[in-house]
Amino acid sequence: MRILPHKLYLLSLAEDEGLRRRNKLIDKQIAYLKLKELTGQDFGYDVTKWEEWMNNKSTEEIYSGYKNPKHNEKDKTNDNNMDNSN
């Protein structure tokens, strides 16, 4: 069974420190920052608000805030090449 990153981050945000260590989950602050990065949303450390928001969204909508830096770099390179070809 595979767990999607946003669910792992939400679990990490919800667990206390002892359980996070035992279950090998990531730090709460990192989980919060990753959720913000992936979704484009900011509910702070409020797990209930994150869950409510996610329960009303498809996986595609949840990841709509994610911008792949490598993909963006390719776009910039292609834009520069187009500008130089004129």
N, C-alpha and C. Protein backbone atom coordinates (compact mmCIF):
# COMPACT_ATOMS: atom_id res chain seq x y z
N MET A 1 0.84 -1.19 0.00
CA MET A 1 0.00 0.00 0.00
C MET A 1 0.88 1.25 0.00
N ARG A 2 0.59 2.16 -0.88
CA ARG A 2 1.37 3.38 -1.02
C ARG A 2 0.61 4.55 -0.39
N ILE A 3 1.34 5.36 0.34
CA ILE A 3 0.72 6.55 0.95
C ILE A 3 1.18 7.78 0.17
N LEU A 4 0.25 8.62 -0.19
CA LEU A 4 0.57 9.83 -0.93
C LEU A 4 1.26 10.84 -0.01
N PRO A 5 2.15 11.65 -0.58
CA PRO A 5 2.91 12.59 0.25
C PRO A 5 2.05 13.49 1.13
N HIS A 6 0.96 14.01 0.61
CA HIS A 6 0.15 14.92 1.43
C HIS A 6 -0.42 14.22 2.66
N LYS A 7 -0.72 12.93 2.54
CA LYS A 7 -1.24 12.19 3.70
C LYS A 7 -0.13 11.92 4.72
N LEU A 8 1.07 11.65 4.23
CA LEU A 8 2.22 11.47 5.12
C LEU A 8 2.51 12.77 5.88
N TYR A 9 2.48 13.89 5.17
CA TYR A 9 2.72 15.18 5.81
C TYR A 9 1.63 15.48 6.85
N LEU A 10 0.40 15.15 6.53
CA LEU A 10 -0.70 15.38 7.47
C LEU A 10 -0.54 14.51 8.71
N LEU A 11 -0.16 13.26 8.53
CA LEU A 11 0.11 12.37 9.67
C LEU A 11 1.22 12.93 10.54
N SER A 12 2.27 13.40 9.91
CA SER A 12 3.41 13.97 10.65
C SER A 12 3.00 15.21 11.42
N LEU A 13 2.13 16.00 10.83
CA LEU A 13 1.65 17.21 11.48
C LEU A 13 0.79 16.87 12.70
N ALA A 14 0.04 15.78 12.61
CA ALA A 14 -0.90 15.41 13.66
C ALA A 14 -0.25 14.69 14.84
N GLU A 15 0.80 13.94 14.60
CA GLU A 15 1.40 13.10 15.64
C GLU A 15 2.24 13.91 16.62
N ASP A 16 2.31 13.43 17.85
CA ASP A 16 3.21 14.06 18.80
C ASP A 16 4.64 13.58 18.52
N GLU A 17 5.60 14.22 19.13
CA GLU A 17 7.02 13.96 18.81
C GLU A 17 7.42 12.50 19.01
N GLY A 18 7.00 11.89 20.11
CA GLY A 18 7.36 10.50 20.38
C GLY A 18 6.84 9.55 19.32
N LEU A 19 5.60 9.73 18.93
CA LEU A 19 5.02 8.87 17.89
C LEU A 19 5.66 9.12 16.53
N ARG A 20 5.99 10.38 16.25
CA ARG A 20 6.66 10.69 14.97
C ARG A 20 7.99 9.95 14.89
N ARG A 21 8.75 9.97 15.98
CA ARG A 21 10.05 9.27 15.97
C ARG A 21 9.87 7.77 15.82
N ARG A 22 8.95 7.22 16.58
CA ARG A 22 8.73 5.77 16.54
C ARG A 22 8.23 5.32 15.16
N ASN A 23 7.38 6.12 14.53
CA ASN A 23 6.83 5.78 13.22
C ASN A 23 7.68 6.31 12.07
N LYS A 24 8.82 6.92 12.41
CA LYS A 24 9.75 7.46 11.43
C LYS A 24 9.09 8.49 10.51
N LEU A 25 8.27 9.34 11.11
CA LEU A 25 7.64 10.42 10.37
C LEU A 25 8.54 11.65 10.43
N ILE A 26 8.26 12.60 9.55
CA ILE A 26 9.10 13.79 9.49
C ILE A 26 8.68 14.81 10.55
N ASP A 27 9.52 15.80 10.76
CA ASP A 27 9.30 16.88 11.71
C ASP A 27 8.02 17.66 11.37
N LYS A 28 7.32 18.11 12.39
CA LYS A 28 6.07 18.85 12.21
C LYS A 28 6.25 20.10 11.34
N GLN A 29 7.31 20.84 11.59
CA GLN A 29 7.53 22.08 10.83
C GLN A 29 7.76 21.77 9.35
N ILE A 30 8.53 20.73 9.06
CA ILE A 30 8.76 20.34 7.67
C ILE A 30 7.46 19.88 7.03
N ALA A 31 6.67 19.10 7.76
CA ALA A 31 5.38 18.63 7.25
C ALA A 31 4.49 19.82 6.89
N TYR A 32 4.44 20.80 7.77
CA TYR A 32 3.63 22.00 7.53
C TYR A 32 4.11 22.73 6.27
N LEU A 33 5.41 22.95 6.16
CA LEU A 33 5.96 23.65 5.00
C LEU A 33 5.71 22.89 3.70
N LYS A 34 5.83 21.56 3.75
CA LYS A 34 5.58 20.74 2.56
C LYS A 34 4.11 20.79 2.15
N LEU A 35 3.20 20.74 3.13
CA LEU A 35 1.78 20.85 2.81
C LEU A 35 1.48 22.19 2.14
N LYS A 36 2.06 23.24 2.67
CA LYS A 36 1.89 24.58 2.10
C LYS A 36 2.40 24.62 0.66
N GLU A 37 3.58 24.04 0.45
CA GLU A 37 4.21 24.03 -0.88
C GLU A 37 3.37 23.22 -1.87
N LEU A 38 2.91 22.06 -1.46
CA LEU A 38 2.16 21.18 -2.36
C LEU A 38 0.80 21.73 -2.74
N THR A 39 0.12 22.34 -1.76
CA THR A 39 -1.27 22.71 -1.97
C THR A 39 -1.48 24.18 -2.32
N GLY A 40 -0.54 25.02 -1.95
CA GLY A 40 -0.75 26.45 -2.13
C GLY A 40 -1.66 27.02 -1.05
N GLN A 41 -2.01 26.22 -0.05
CA GLN A 41 -2.88 26.63 1.05
C GLN A 41 -2.05 26.82 2.31
N ASP A 42 -2.63 27.51 3.29
CA ASP A 42 -1.94 27.69 4.56
C ASP A 42 -2.94 27.66 5.71
N PHE A 43 -3.03 26.49 6.35
CA PHE A 43 -3.89 26.34 7.52
C PHE A 43 -3.05 26.20 8.78
N GLY A 44 -1.79 26.60 8.69
CA GLY A 44 -0.91 26.52 9.83
C GLY A 44 -0.77 25.09 10.31
N TYR A 45 -0.78 24.92 11.62
CA TYR A 45 -0.63 23.59 12.21
C TYR A 45 -1.99 22.99 12.60
N ASP A 46 -3.06 23.54 12.05
CA ASP A 46 -4.42 23.09 12.36
C ASP A 46 -4.78 21.88 11.50
N VAL A 47 -4.59 20.70 12.05
CA VAL A 47 -4.81 19.44 11.33
C VAL A 47 -6.27 19.32 10.88
N THR A 48 -7.19 19.76 11.72
CA THR A 48 -8.62 19.66 11.39
C THR A 48 -8.94 20.47 10.14
N LYS A 49 -8.41 21.68 10.05
CA LYS A 49 -8.66 22.51 8.86
C LYS A 49 -8.04 21.89 7.61
N TRP A 50 -6.81 21.36 7.75
CA TRP A 50 -6.18 20.68 6.61
C TRP A 50 -7.04 19.52 6.15
N GLU A 51 -7.51 18.69 7.11
CA GLU A 51 -8.34 17.53 6.76
C GLU A 51 -9.64 17.95 6.10
N GLU A 52 -10.30 18.96 6.64
CA GLU A 52 -11.56 19.44 6.06
C GLU A 52 -11.34 19.89 4.62
N TRP A 53 -10.28 20.64 4.40
CA TRP A 53 -9.99 21.14 3.06
C TRP A 53 -9.70 19.97 2.12
N MET A 54 -8.85 19.03 2.54
CA MET A 54 -8.48 17.89 1.70
C MET A 54 -9.65 16.97 1.41
N ASN A 55 -10.56 16.81 2.36
CA ASN A 55 -11.71 15.92 2.17
C ASN A 55 -12.65 16.42 1.08
N ASN A 56 -12.58 17.69 0.77
CA ASN A 56 -13.45 18.27 -0.25
C ASN A 56 -12.74 18.47 -1.59
N LYS A 57 -11.56 17.90 -1.74
CA LYS A 57 -10.76 18.10 -2.95
C LYS A 57 -10.34 16.76 -3.55
N SER A 58 -10.16 16.77 -4.86
CA SER A 58 -9.57 15.60 -5.53
C SER A 58 -8.05 15.68 -5.34
N THR A 59 -7.37 14.59 -5.63
CA THR A 59 -5.90 14.58 -5.52
C THR A 59 -5.29 15.66 -6.41
N GLU A 60 -5.83 15.82 -7.61
CA GLU A 60 -5.31 16.85 -8.53
C GLU A 60 -5.47 18.24 -7.93
N GLU A 61 -6.62 18.49 -7.30
CA GLU A 61 -6.85 19.80 -6.68
C GLU A 61 -5.92 20.02 -5.50
N ILE A 62 -5.67 18.97 -4.72
CA ILE A 62 -4.77 19.08 -3.57
C ILE A 62 -3.38 19.49 -4.03
N TYR A 63 -2.93 18.93 -5.14
CA TYR A 63 -1.58 19.21 -5.63
C TYR A 63 -1.52 20.41 -6.58
N SER A 64 -2.59 21.14 -6.71
CA SER A 64 -2.63 22.25 -7.66
C SER A 64 -1.64 23.36 -7.33
N GLY A 65 -1.25 23.50 -6.08
CA GLY A 65 -0.31 24.54 -5.70
C GLY A 65 1.14 24.17 -5.95
N TYR A 66 1.38 22.88 -6.29
CA TYR A 66 2.76 22.41 -6.44
C TYR A 66 3.35 22.89 -7.75
N LYS A 67 4.52 23.43 -7.65
CA LYS A 67 5.26 23.87 -8.84
C LYS A 67 6.61 23.16 -8.82
N ASN A 68 6.83 22.31 -9.77
CA ASN A 68 8.08 21.56 -9.87
C ASN A 68 9.19 22.49 -10.33
N PRO A 69 10.19 22.76 -9.48
CA PRO A 69 11.27 23.68 -9.86
C PRO A 69 12.00 23.24 -11.12
N LYS A 70 12.21 21.95 -11.31
CA LYS A 70 12.90 21.48 -12.51
C LYS A 70 12.07 21.77 -13.74
N HIS A 71 10.77 21.58 -13.65
CA HIS A 71 9.88 21.86 -14.77
C HIS A 71 9.89 23.35 -15.09
N ASN A 72 9.86 24.19 -14.07
CA ASN A 72 9.89 25.63 -14.27
C ASN A 72 11.19 26.08 -14.91
N GLU A 73 12.32 25.46 -14.55
CA GLU A 73 13.60 25.81 -15.16
C GLU A 73 13.59 25.50 -16.65
N LYS A 74 13.02 24.37 -17.05
CA LYS A 74 12.91 24.01 -18.47
C LYS A 74 12.09 25.04 -19.21
N ASP A 75 10.98 25.48 -18.60
CA ASP A 75 10.14 26.49 -19.23
C ASP A 75 10.92 27.78 -19.45
N LYS A 76 11.71 28.21 -18.46
CA LYS A 76 12.50 29.43 -18.59
C LYS A 76 13.53 29.29 -19.69
N THR A 77 14.18 28.13 -19.77
CA THR A 77 15.18 27.89 -20.81
C THR A 77 14.53 27.94 -22.18
N ASN A 78 13.37 27.31 -22.34
CA ASN A 78 12.68 27.34 -23.62
C ASN A 78 12.24 28.75 -23.99
N ASP A 79 11.77 29.52 -23.01
CA ASP A 79 11.39 30.91 -23.27
C ASP A 79 12.59 31.72 -23.73
N ASN A 80 13.75 31.54 -23.09
CA ASN A 80 14.96 32.26 -23.48
C ASN A 80 15.40 31.88 -24.88
N ASN A 81 15.32 30.61 -25.21
CA ASN A 81 15.70 30.17 -26.54
C ASN A 81 14.80 30.77 -27.59
N MET A 82 13.52 30.90 -27.30
CA MET A 82 12.58 31.50 -28.26
C MET A 82 12.88 32.99 -28.43
N ASP A 83 13.24 33.67 -27.34
CA ASP A 83 13.56 35.08 -27.44
C ASP A 83 14.82 35.30 -28.28
N ASN A 84 15.80 34.43 -28.18
CA ASN A 84 17.05 34.58 -28.90
C ASN A 84 16.93 34.19 -30.37
N SER A 85 15.87 33.49 -30.76
CA SER A 85 15.77 33.03 -32.14
C SER A 85 15.24 34.09 -33.07
N ASN A 86 14.74 35.21 -32.55
CA ASN A 86 14.18 36.25 -33.39
C ASN A 86 15.19 37.20 -33.88
